[in-house]
Structures are given as structure tokens and as C-alpha cells.
Amino acid sequence: MKKRQVYLDNAATTPIDKRVLAVMKPFLTDDFGNPSSFHTPGKVAGDALDGARKQVADVIGARSDEIIFTSGGTESDNLAILGFARKNQNQGKHIISTKVEHPAVLESLEQLEKEGFEVTLLIVDEFGRVSSDDVVTAIRPDTILISIIYANNEIGTVNPISEIGKQIQKNRTGNFPAFHTDACQAAGALELNQEKLHVDLMTVNASKIYGPKGNGALFVKRGLKLQPLQFGGHQERRVRPGTENVAGIIGFTEALRIADQQKDEESKRLIKLRDYFICEVQKLIPKTRLNGHPTERLPNNINISFMDIEGEALTLYLDAKGIYVSTGSACTSASLDPSHVIVGLSLPYEVAHGSIRFSLGRSTTKKDLDYVLEFLPELVEKLRKISPVSVDAKYFK
């Protein structure tokens, strides 16, 4: 008999939507032209690219010329942070962010520190949120950029981006400091209108919203200047040269349109499943802790620390049952270091090592979650019996 498969790692990546694949196919076969070419096949591709750019702009309430297509969230974050800082360093060399950002942001900031920039990483509260007051307090005359994640990729906590953006605007001179947010996990679940969020740069990608991997975009408010990270062409306002992946871009924009269109209905469904699973886990398994904000969190995110075990061992046991989860960000899954996000909540390494992220998706049903609950308690108990770890009771919730 075929083993049941329950995929609960949608925060890492999602399967491509069949509707998305359908609109991509013509540009993988018949309409294969280079959008920079002047002949008819090139014009067909170019017109499709223009339409896709407008479609993304419409979703986030921007102008078409404010959208730069990239290879995904990591490149968009790198371009926003490295590109903006290097281009505008004559205005200052101080940047503000948080300790719980995605590695694409944190490692970009580490590189800038090597180049002489000064970075302030704000501490978050016990739920992983940063306050607008803390952001404003950290602003200095030489602050040129602030980057705050919209919805945390590991624990699902949603930051008050709109309020932070308003406060930044009240405390800026001209275009500085500019405000960037990584909205990769937020797309399809939260508000993306850049005017309502009061952001100047915003990262979105395709692989979290049932689009093709290796595609994304960066919103850059008109008037802001970025230094390219690569060279060799005039594409994407000369900021991101290279022949555009038209098929992938078409797929990304269709995925974004669908995700935005059905986000309210899907969010309601996922919240019910999310809260049901959290309640059942806490009822069935002692010594657990929900990481992240209890309510201000992504509809599909469940991050739980199972005390006195190693999360990696539990993922392997679950995998053997056909249940696929993760211990944190897919970008750091090869590392055995504890989650920097969980540690950033002022929790000990032992709590971070036992954390598991269950991220729900469009195909997730209550039957799937009940299947997980059928095995999860006994697997946790089995691992605890052979574990040398014992976490202090004050960290249980």
C-alpha cells in the first residue's frame, strides 16, 4: 500500500500551480524570443514582459517602472541592501535591521560591515516582533537604510510594517532613511500595497506562492538609486542585467495574481487548521512551546519547540512516516547550528534545537494534520527517552 504523503514545508517552497504552468508553457516553446530583440518574436516576448510588470505593479499598488525582476527573494534582498547602501553611502553608512532577519539580509549586512558600514541589529520581543519606537530610537543622522522583515520565515510572526513605515517617514530627510521589507512569506496572506505599508523597497518571490523557483521581484520606489551587483546589459533599468527569464516571470506574476486574489478566503481556512493543530499538539504532548506571536502570525505557520529532543531527529522520524517538515529556514537547513531566530527570542540553544516548523499549504486538510497527530506524540516520547537534554520548565508554554 502506498505510504500517505503529508507535505508541511510550504514555507520552504510550494508546488507549481497548474494554472501557472499553463501560462508559462507558450514562452518555453513557441514564444521563445529575447525581449530585447527588435524582431517580431522579440516583440511578443517584450510585450508579455511589459504586461507581467504591470500585473505585479497592480498587486502592490506601484508603477510598472518601479518593478525589477530578479532570480528570487535572495537576489532581491541582496540588491535592495547592497545596491542601495553602496549607491548612497555618501549620505551615510549606518543601517538598521533586526537579529531575526532572513540570512539573505543578515549576510548582506555582514558584507557591508566589512566595507566600513555600521549596522544596528535591533532586539525583538519574546514573540519575535520589533516595535516602531525601537526603530525610531535607533535612527541617526547618518542612517540611510532600514530593513525589517514583514513576516518571519521561521516563526511566522508578523511585524507592524505599516506603523514602522509611518514613523520612519516622520523621521526622514528627503529619501533617507529608506525602508525595505522582505515580504516573501507575506505574499498571498497579507497586505502588499506599498503605499499602505509605507515602504520604499520590497522583496517578493515566486516559490512561496505556487510559482516557479528562481523568480522574484524587487519594488524600488521611483527616485531611489541602486548600484548594480552584476554587469553586462541594459535590462531591468540597467540595475539587473541579463536576458529576462520570460517564462518564469510570466509564471511568477500569475502566481502572485492568484495568491493575492484568494488570500482572504485561503487565510481563513488556514487559520482554522493552524489553530486546531497548535491546540492538539499542546494538549497531547507535554513540554512544548509555540514560537512566535500567538495571533499576529502567518495563517500557515506553526513553529513548536519540543523540549528535550533534537529537531533534526524528529524530522527524520516524521519523514519515515511520509510527513515532511523542517527545523527552520530552507536556506540554512544544511547547518546544524540552532535557529538564530529562536535564539533571537532570548531562548536557550536547547529550545532552538528542538524547534520544528510545520507550514501548511493549499492542499493541507484536517485529515493530513490528524495523520501527523497520530504519530507525533509517540515519536517525541521515543526521542525523549534517549535524549540527554533537559530544558528548564520556565520555557514551556
Protein backbone atom coordinates (compact mmCIF):
# COMPACT_ATOMS: atom_id res chain seq x y z
CA MET A 1 0.00 0.00 0.00
CA LYS A 2 1.31 3.45 -0.89
CA LYS A 3 2.51 5.48 2.07
CA ARG A 4 0.50 8.62 2.80
CA GLN A 5 2.37 11.81 1.91
CA VAL A 6 1.82 14.95 4.00
CA TYR A 7 3.83 17.95 2.85
CA LEU A 8 4.08 20.59 5.58
CA ASP A 9 7.08 22.60 4.38
CA ASN A 10 5.32 25.20 2.25
CA ALA A 11 7.36 28.00 3.82
CA ALA A 12 10.41 26.45 2.10
CA THR A 13 8.75 26.06 -1.29
CA THR A 14 5.43 25.21 -2.88
CA PRO A 15 4.44 23.05 -5.85
CA ILE A 16 3.75 24.98 -9.01
CA ASP A 17 0.07 25.73 -9.61
CA LYS A 18 -1.27 24.09 -12.80
CA ARG A 19 -2.80 27.43 -13.83
CA VAL A 20 0.64 29.00 -13.52
CA LEU A 21 2.28 26.26 -15.56
CA ALA A 22 -0.33 26.72 -18.29
CA VAL A 23 0.51 30.40 -18.85
CA MET A 24 4.24 29.65 -18.81
CA LYS A 25 4.23 26.93 -21.47
CA PRO A 26 3.95 29.13 -24.59
CA PHE A 27 7.06 31.05 -23.53
CA LEU A 28 9.01 27.85 -23.10
CA THR A 29 8.22 26.69 -26.64
CA ASP A 30 6.64 28.87 -29.34
CA ASP A 31 7.13 32.39 -27.92
CA PHE A 32 10.78 31.93 -27.02
CA GLY A 33 12.10 35.29 -28.26
CA ASN A 34 14.54 37.52 -26.41
CA PRO A 35 12.51 40.50 -25.13
CA SER A 36 15.40 42.84 -26.02
CA SER A 37 15.32 41.87 -29.71
CA PHE A 38 13.63 44.12 -32.28
CA HIS A 39 12.10 41.41 -34.45
CA THR A 40 8.59 40.01 -34.08
CA PRO A 41 9.42 37.11 -31.71
CA GLY A 42 11.31 39.56 -29.53
CA LYS A 43 8.40 41.98 -29.52
CA VAL A 44 5.99 39.21 -28.47
CA ALA A 45 8.24 38.39 -25.54
CA GLY A 46 8.78 42.07 -24.75
CA ASP A 47 5.07 42.81 -24.72
CA ALA A 48 4.49 39.85 -22.40
CA LEU A 49 7.22 41.14 -20.10
CA ASP A 50 5.63 44.59 -20.02
CA GLY A 51 2.27 43.05 -19.18
CA ALA A 52 3.79 40.99 -16.38
CA ARG A 53 5.50 44.04 -14.92
CA LYS A 54 2.22 45.93 -14.87
CA GLN A 55 0.50 42.95 -13.24
CA VAL A 56 2.99 42.91 -10.36
CA ALA A 57 2.75 46.67 -10.05
CA ASP A 58 -1.05 46.47 -9.84
CA VAL A 59 -0.91 43.94 -7.00
CA ILE A 60 1.39 46.10 -4.89
CA GLY A 61 -0.05 49.47 -5.90
CA ALA A 62 3.05 50.64 -7.71
CA ARG A 63 4.13 51.91 -11.13
CA SER A 64 5.45 49.48 -13.73
CA ASP A 65 8.83 51.22 -13.81
CA GLU A 66 9.20 50.56 -10.06
CA ILE A 67 9.39 46.77 -10.57
CA ILE A 68 12.70 44.98 -11.16
CA PHE A 69 12.55 41.26 -11.93
CA THR A 70 15.16 39.07 -10.24
CA SER A 71 16.00 35.41 -9.66
CA GLY A 72 14.12 35.33 -6.35
CA GLY A 73 13.98 36.56 -2.79
CA THR A 74 17.68 36.23 -2.03
CA GLU A 75 18.78 38.29 -5.00
CA SER A 76 16.10 40.91 -4.34
CA ASP A 77 17.23 41.26 -0.71
CA ASN A 78 20.87 41.49 -1.79
CA LEU A 79 20.07 44.08 -4.44
CA ALA A 80 17.96 46.16 -2.07
CA ILE A 81 20.56 46.23 0.71
CA LEU A 82 23.92 46.07 -1.05
CA GLY A 83 22.74 48.03 -4.08
CA PHE A 84 21.14 50.84 -2.09
CA ALA A 85 23.87 51.13 0.55
CA ARG A 86 26.75 51.24 -1.92
CA LYS A 87 25.00 53.72 -4.20
CA ASN A 88 24.06 56.09 -1.37
CA GLN A 89 26.98 55.77 1.04
CA ASN A 90 27.88 59.42 0.51
CA GLN A 91 24.69 60.17 2.51
CA GLY A 92 25.70 57.97 5.44
CA LYS A 93 26.89 54.49 6.31
CA HIS A 94 24.52 53.41 9.08
CA ILE A 95 21.86 50.72 8.58
CA ILE A 96 19.19 49.38 10.95
CA SER A 97 17.73 45.87 10.91
CA THR A 98 16.86 43.10 13.40
CA LYS A 99 18.51 39.98 14.76
CA VAL A 100 15.82 37.71 13.26
CA GLU A 101 16.00 38.61 9.57
CA HIS A 102 16.39 36.09 6.77
CA PRO A 103 20.03 35.11 6.06
CA ALA A 104 19.81 36.93 2.71
CA VAL A 105 19.51 40.17 4.69
CA LEU A 106 21.84 39.37 7.58
CA GLU A 107 24.68 38.14 5.38
CA SER A 108 24.33 41.19 3.12
CA LEU A 109 24.69 43.36 6.20
CA GLU A 110 27.75 41.39 7.31
CA GLN A 111 29.34 42.11 3.93
CA LEU A 112 28.59 45.82 4.28
CA GLU A 113 30.24 45.87 7.71
CA LYS A 114 33.41 44.58 6.03
CA GLU A 115 33.14 47.57 3.68
CA GLY A 116 33.00 50.07 6.53
CA PHE A 117 29.27 50.38 7.13
CA GLU A 118 27.87 50.32 10.67
CA VAL A 119 24.87 48.05 11.35
CA THR A 120 22.47 48.20 14.29
CA LEU A 121 20.56 44.93 14.81
CA LEU A 122 17.52 45.54 16.98
CA ILE A 123 16.43 43.06 19.64
CA VAL A 124 12.90 41.70 19.22
CA ASP A 125 10.37 40.86 21.92
CA GLU A 126 9.54 37.34 23.13
CA PHE A 127 7.28 36.85 20.10
CA GLY A 128 9.82 38.00 17.53
CA ARG A 129 8.31 41.44 16.89
CA VAL A 130 10.15 44.72 16.68
CA SER A 131 8.47 47.93 17.83
CA SER A 132 8.28 51.12 15.80
CA ASP A 133 9.59 53.02 18.85
CA ASP A 134 12.76 50.93 18.89
CA VAL A 135 13.26 51.56 15.18
CA VAL A 136 12.85 55.32 15.53
CA THR A 137 15.12 55.45 18.58
CA ALA A 138 17.89 53.77 16.58
CA ILE A 139 17.75 56.28 13.70
CA ARG A 140 20.81 58.55 13.47
CA PRO A 141 21.68 61.43 11.13
CA ASP A 142 23.79 59.01 9.07
CA THR A 143 21.15 56.26 8.84
CA ILE A 144 20.44 55.58 5.18
CA LEU A 145 18.51 52.29 5.22
CA ILE A 146 16.21 50.30 7.49
CA SER A 147 15.30 46.69 6.66
CA ILE A 148 12.63 44.86 8.68
CA ILE A 149 11.15 41.51 7.68
CA TYR A 150 7.37 41.63 7.12
CA ALA A 151 6.53 38.09 8.24
CA ASN A 152 9.24 35.91 9.73
CA ASN A 153 10.06 32.88 7.60
CA GLU A 154 10.72 30.62 10.60
CA ILE A 155 8.25 31.56 13.34
CA GLY A 156 5.61 33.33 11.25
CA THR A 157 5.44 36.48 13.39
CA VAL A 158 4.09 39.49 11.51
CA ASN A 159 5.78 42.82 12.15
CA PRO A 160 3.81 46.11 12.23
CA ILE A 161 5.34 47.23 8.94
CA SER A 162 2.79 49.95 8.20
CA GLU A 163 3.27 51.59 11.60
CA ILE A 164 7.05 51.32 11.33
CA GLY A 165 6.89 52.85 7.84
CA LYS A 166 4.81 55.79 9.06
CA GLN A 167 7.26 56.50 11.86
CA ILE A 168 10.23 56.32 9.50
CA GLN A 169 8.59 58.81 7.15
CA LYS A 170 8.14 61.24 10.06
CA ASN A 171 11.82 60.98 10.90
CA ARG A 172 13.42 61.21 7.48
CA THR A 173 15.17 63.86 5.46
CA GLY A 174 14.47 63.56 1.74
CA ASN A 175 14.73 59.88 0.78
CA PHE A 176 16.70 58.88 3.89
CA PRO A 177 16.45 56.59 5.63
CA ALA A 178 14.82 54.37 3.01
CA PHE A 179 12.67 51.49 4.27
CA HIS A 180 12.96 47.94 2.90
CA THR A 181 10.90 44.91 3.84
CA ASP A 182 11.31 41.26 2.88
CA ALA A 183 7.73 40.22 2.05
CA CYS A 184 8.47 36.77 0.62
CA GLN A 185 6.39 34.93 3.22
CA ALA A 186 3.73 37.65 3.36
CA ALA A 187 2.64 37.40 -0.27
CA GLY A 188 -0.66 35.58 -0.58
CA ALA A 189 -1.51 36.16 3.07
CA LEU A 190 -1.03 39.83 3.96
CA GLU A 191 -1.50 43.31 2.50
CA LEU A 192 1.12 44.11 -0.15
CA ASN A 193 0.10 47.63 -1.17
CA GLN A 194 3.32 49.60 -0.87
CA GLU A 195 1.54 52.86 -0.09
CA LYS A 196 -0.38 51.31 2.80
CA LEU A 197 2.82 49.71 4.09
CA HIS A 198 4.83 52.94 3.64
CA VAL A 199 7.83 51.07 2.23
CA ASP A 200 10.39 52.18 -0.34
CA LEU A 201 11.79 48.78 -1.28
CA MET A 202 10.01 45.44 -1.07
CA THR A 203 11.11 41.89 -1.86
CA VAL A 204 8.69 39.26 -3.21
CA ASN A 205 9.30 35.88 -4.84
CA ALA A 206 7.53 33.07 -6.65
CA SER A 207 8.48 29.86 -4.87
CA LYS A 208 6.36 30.55 -1.76
CA ILE A 209 3.19 31.26 -3.75
CA TYR A 210 2.97 28.24 -6.10
CA GLY A 211 5.08 29.82 -8.81
CA PRO A 212 8.35 28.71 -10.47
CA LYS A 213 11.52 28.66 -8.39
CA GLY A 214 14.23 31.12 -9.31
CA ASN A 215 11.91 34.07 -9.94
CA GLY A 216 11.05 37.16 -7.94
CA ALA A 217 10.92 40.92 -7.96
CA LEU A 218 12.09 43.98 -6.10
CA PHE A 219 9.89 47.04 -5.75
CA VAL A 220 12.01 50.19 -5.87
CA LYS A 221 10.17 53.45 -5.26
CA ARG A 222 10.66 55.95 -8.04
CA GLY A 223 13.59 58.25 -7.34
CA LEU A 224 15.68 55.75 -5.38
CA LYS A 225 19.00 54.72 -6.89
CA LEU A 226 20.67 51.31 -6.68
CA GLN A 227 24.14 50.17 -7.68
CA PRO A 228 24.05 47.02 -9.82
CA LEU A 229 25.52 43.85 -8.38
CA GLN A 230 26.30 42.47 -11.84
CA PHE A 231 27.10 43.94 -15.22
CA GLY A 232 26.72 43.24 -18.90
CA GLY A 233 23.40 44.56 -20.18
CA HIS A 234 20.72 47.23 -20.11
CA GLN A 235 17.85 45.08 -18.84
CA GLU A 236 15.77 45.95 -15.77
CA ARG A 237 16.65 49.65 -15.77
CA ARG A 238 20.35 48.66 -16.06
CA VAL A 239 20.19 47.56 -12.42
CA ARG A 240 19.81 43.83 -13.05
CA PRO A 241 21.37 42.99 -16.44
CA GLY A 242 20.87 39.72 -18.25
CA THR A 243 18.23 38.29 -20.56
CA GLU A 244 15.00 38.06 -18.62
CA ASN A 245 13.50 34.65 -17.87
CA VAL A 246 10.23 35.49 -19.59
CA ALA A 247 8.51 32.17 -18.91
CA GLY A 248 9.47 32.29 -15.25
CA ILE A 249 8.38 35.92 -14.92
CA ILE A 250 5.03 35.17 -16.53
CA GLY A 251 4.59 32.28 -14.09
CA PHE A 252 5.59 34.42 -11.12
CA THR A 253 3.16 37.18 -11.95
CA GLU A 254 0.28 34.76 -12.50
CA ALA A 255 1.08 33.06 -9.19
CA LEU A 256 1.12 36.45 -7.45
CA ARG A 257 -2.21 37.41 -9.01
CA ILE A 258 -3.87 34.17 -7.92
CA ALA A 259 -2.38 34.31 -4.42
CA ASP A 260 -3.50 37.89 -3.90
CA GLN A 261 -6.96 37.22 -5.31
CA GLN A 262 -7.71 34.33 -2.97
CA LYS A 263 -5.71 35.39 0.09
CA ASP A 264 -8.68 36.31 2.30
CA GLU A 265 -10.57 33.07 1.77
CA GLU A 266 -7.48 30.88 1.97
CA SER A 267 -6.19 32.66 5.07
CA LYS A 268 -9.43 31.96 6.93
CA ARG A 269 -9.20 28.27 6.05
CA LEU A 270 -5.57 28.00 7.07
CA ILE A 271 -6.04 29.84 10.37
CA LYS A 272 -8.64 27.26 11.43
CA LEU A 273 -6.28 24.40 10.58
CA ARG A 274 -3.31 26.15 12.18
CA ASP A 275 -5.09 26.83 15.47
CA TYR A 276 -6.55 23.33 15.57
CA PHE A 277 -3.11 21.75 15.19
CA ILE A 278 -1.48 24.00 17.78
CA CYS A 279 -4.23 23.21 20.30
CA GLU A 280 -3.99 19.46 19.72
CA VAL A 281 -0.19 19.37 19.97
CA GLN A 282 -0.21 21.29 23.24
CA LYS A 283 -2.95 19.02 24.57
CA LEU A 284 -1.33 15.75 23.53
CA ILE A 285 2.35 16.50 24.09
CA PRO A 286 3.72 17.99 27.33
CA LYS A 287 6.76 20.28 27.46
CA THR A 288 6.12 22.16 24.23
CA ARG A 289 6.37 25.82 23.33
CA LEU A 290 4.74 27.75 20.49
CA ASN A 291 7.34 30.06 18.98
CA GLY A 292 6.20 33.37 17.55
CA HIS A 293 3.20 35.55 18.23
CA PRO A 294 0.04 33.62 19.18
CA THR A 295 -2.23 35.67 16.88
CA GLU A 296 -0.13 38.13 14.86
CA ARG A 297 1.37 35.35 12.77
CA LEU A 298 1.07 33.95 9.27
CA PRO A 299 -2.05 31.84 8.69
CA ASN A 300 0.00 28.82 7.64
CA ASN A 301 2.89 28.92 10.11
CA ILE A 302 3.25 26.67 13.16
CA ASN A 303 6.63 26.65 14.89
CA ILE A 304 6.82 24.50 18.01
CA SER A 305 9.75 23.60 20.22
CA PHE A 306 9.57 20.08 21.61
CA MET A 307 11.71 20.19 24.73
CA ASP A 308 14.44 17.65 25.41
CA ILE A 309 14.85 16.44 21.82
CA GLU A 310 16.80 17.31 18.66
CA GLY A 311 14.59 18.71 15.94
CA GLU A 312 16.66 17.10 13.18
CA ALA A 313 16.00 13.64 14.63
CA LEU A 314 12.26 14.29 14.76
CA THR A 315 12.19 15.45 11.13
CA LEU A 316 13.82 12.16 10.10
CA TYR A 317 11.33 10.10 12.08
CA LEU A 318 8.45 12.04 10.55
CA ASP A 319 9.96 11.68 7.09
CA ALA A 320 9.85 7.91 7.51
CA LYS A 321 6.09 8.26 8.01
CA GLY A 322 5.73 10.37 4.85
CA ILE A 323 5.43 13.63 6.80
CA TYR A 324 7.67 16.43 5.55
CA VAL A 325 8.54 19.34 7.85
CA SER A 326 11.63 21.42 8.61
CA THR A 327 13.64 22.74 11.52
CA GLY A 328 13.72 26.29 10.15
CA SER A 329 14.74 28.22 7.06
CA ALA A 330 15.43 26.10 3.98
CA CYS A 331 18.36 28.43 3.24
CA THR A 332 20.16 27.20 6.38
CA SER A 333 18.93 23.60 6.51
CA ALA A 334 22.43 22.22 5.85
CA SER A 335 23.67 23.79 9.07
CA LEU A 336 23.38 22.07 12.44
CA ASP A 337 23.57 25.40 14.25
CA PRO A 338 20.46 26.30 16.26
CA SER A 339 17.97 28.68 14.68
CA HIS A 340 19.20 32.27 15.01
CA VAL A 341 15.55 33.32 15.08
CA ILE A 342 14.63 31.18 18.11
CA VAL A 343 17.85 32.21 19.87
CA GLY A 344 16.92 35.80 18.98
CA LEU A 345 13.82 35.43 21.15
CA SER A 346 16.21 35.22 24.14
CA LEU A 347 15.71 31.47 24.37
CA PRO A 348 18.49 28.94 25.07
CA TYR A 349 20.04 26.74 22.40
CA GLU A 350 18.23 23.68 23.77
CA VAL A 351 14.86 25.26 22.93
CA ALA A 352 16.06 26.24 19.46
CA HIS A 353 17.43 22.77 18.73
CA GLY A 354 14.03 21.20 19.41
CA SER A 355 12.04 23.52 17.15
CA ILE A 356 10.01 22.24 14.21
CA ARG A 357 8.26 24.34 11.58
CA PHE A 358 5.02 22.95 10.17
CA SER A 359 3.96 25.20 7.29
CA LEU A 360 0.56 24.49 5.78
CA GLY A 361 -0.47 24.95 2.17
CA ARG A 362 -3.37 24.90 -0.27
CA SER A 363 -3.52 21.12 -0.29
CA THR A 364 -3.38 20.74 3.52
CA THR A 365 -6.50 19.20 5.09
CA LYS A 366 -7.60 18.35 8.62
CA LYS A 367 -7.08 14.67 7.73
CA ASP A 368 -3.43 15.48 6.97
CA LEU A 369 -2.99 17.08 10.37
CA ASP A 370 -4.76 14.23 12.12
CA TYR A 371 -2.36 11.84 10.39
CA VAL A 372 0.56 13.80 11.82
CA LEU A 373 -1.02 13.81 15.28
CA GLU A 374 -1.39 10.04 15.06
CA PHE A 375 2.39 9.63 15.13
CA LEU A 376 3.84 12.84 16.60
CA PRO A 377 3.26 12.18 20.35
CA GLU A 378 4.84 8.71 20.29
CA LEU A 379 7.82 9.89 18.23
CA VAL A 380 8.52 12.77 20.60
CA GLU A 381 8.27 10.43 23.58
CA LYS A 382 10.59 7.93 21.92
CA LEU A 383 13.24 10.60 21.33
CA ARG A 384 12.91 11.98 24.85
CA LYS A 385 13.66 8.59 26.34
CA ILE A 386 17.09 8.54 24.71
CA SER A 387 17.84 12.27 25.00
CA PRO A 388 20.45 13.65 27.42
CA VAL A 389 18.85 17.13 27.22
CA SER A 390 16.60 18.58 29.91
CA VAL A 391 15.15 22.06 29.37
CA ASP A 392 14.18 24.27 32.29
CA ALA A 393 10.42 24.27 32.91
CA LYS A 394 10.18 28.08 32.67
CA TYR A 395 10.49 27.81 28.90
CA PHE A 396 7.39 25.62 28.48
CA LYS A 397 4.11 27.18 27.37
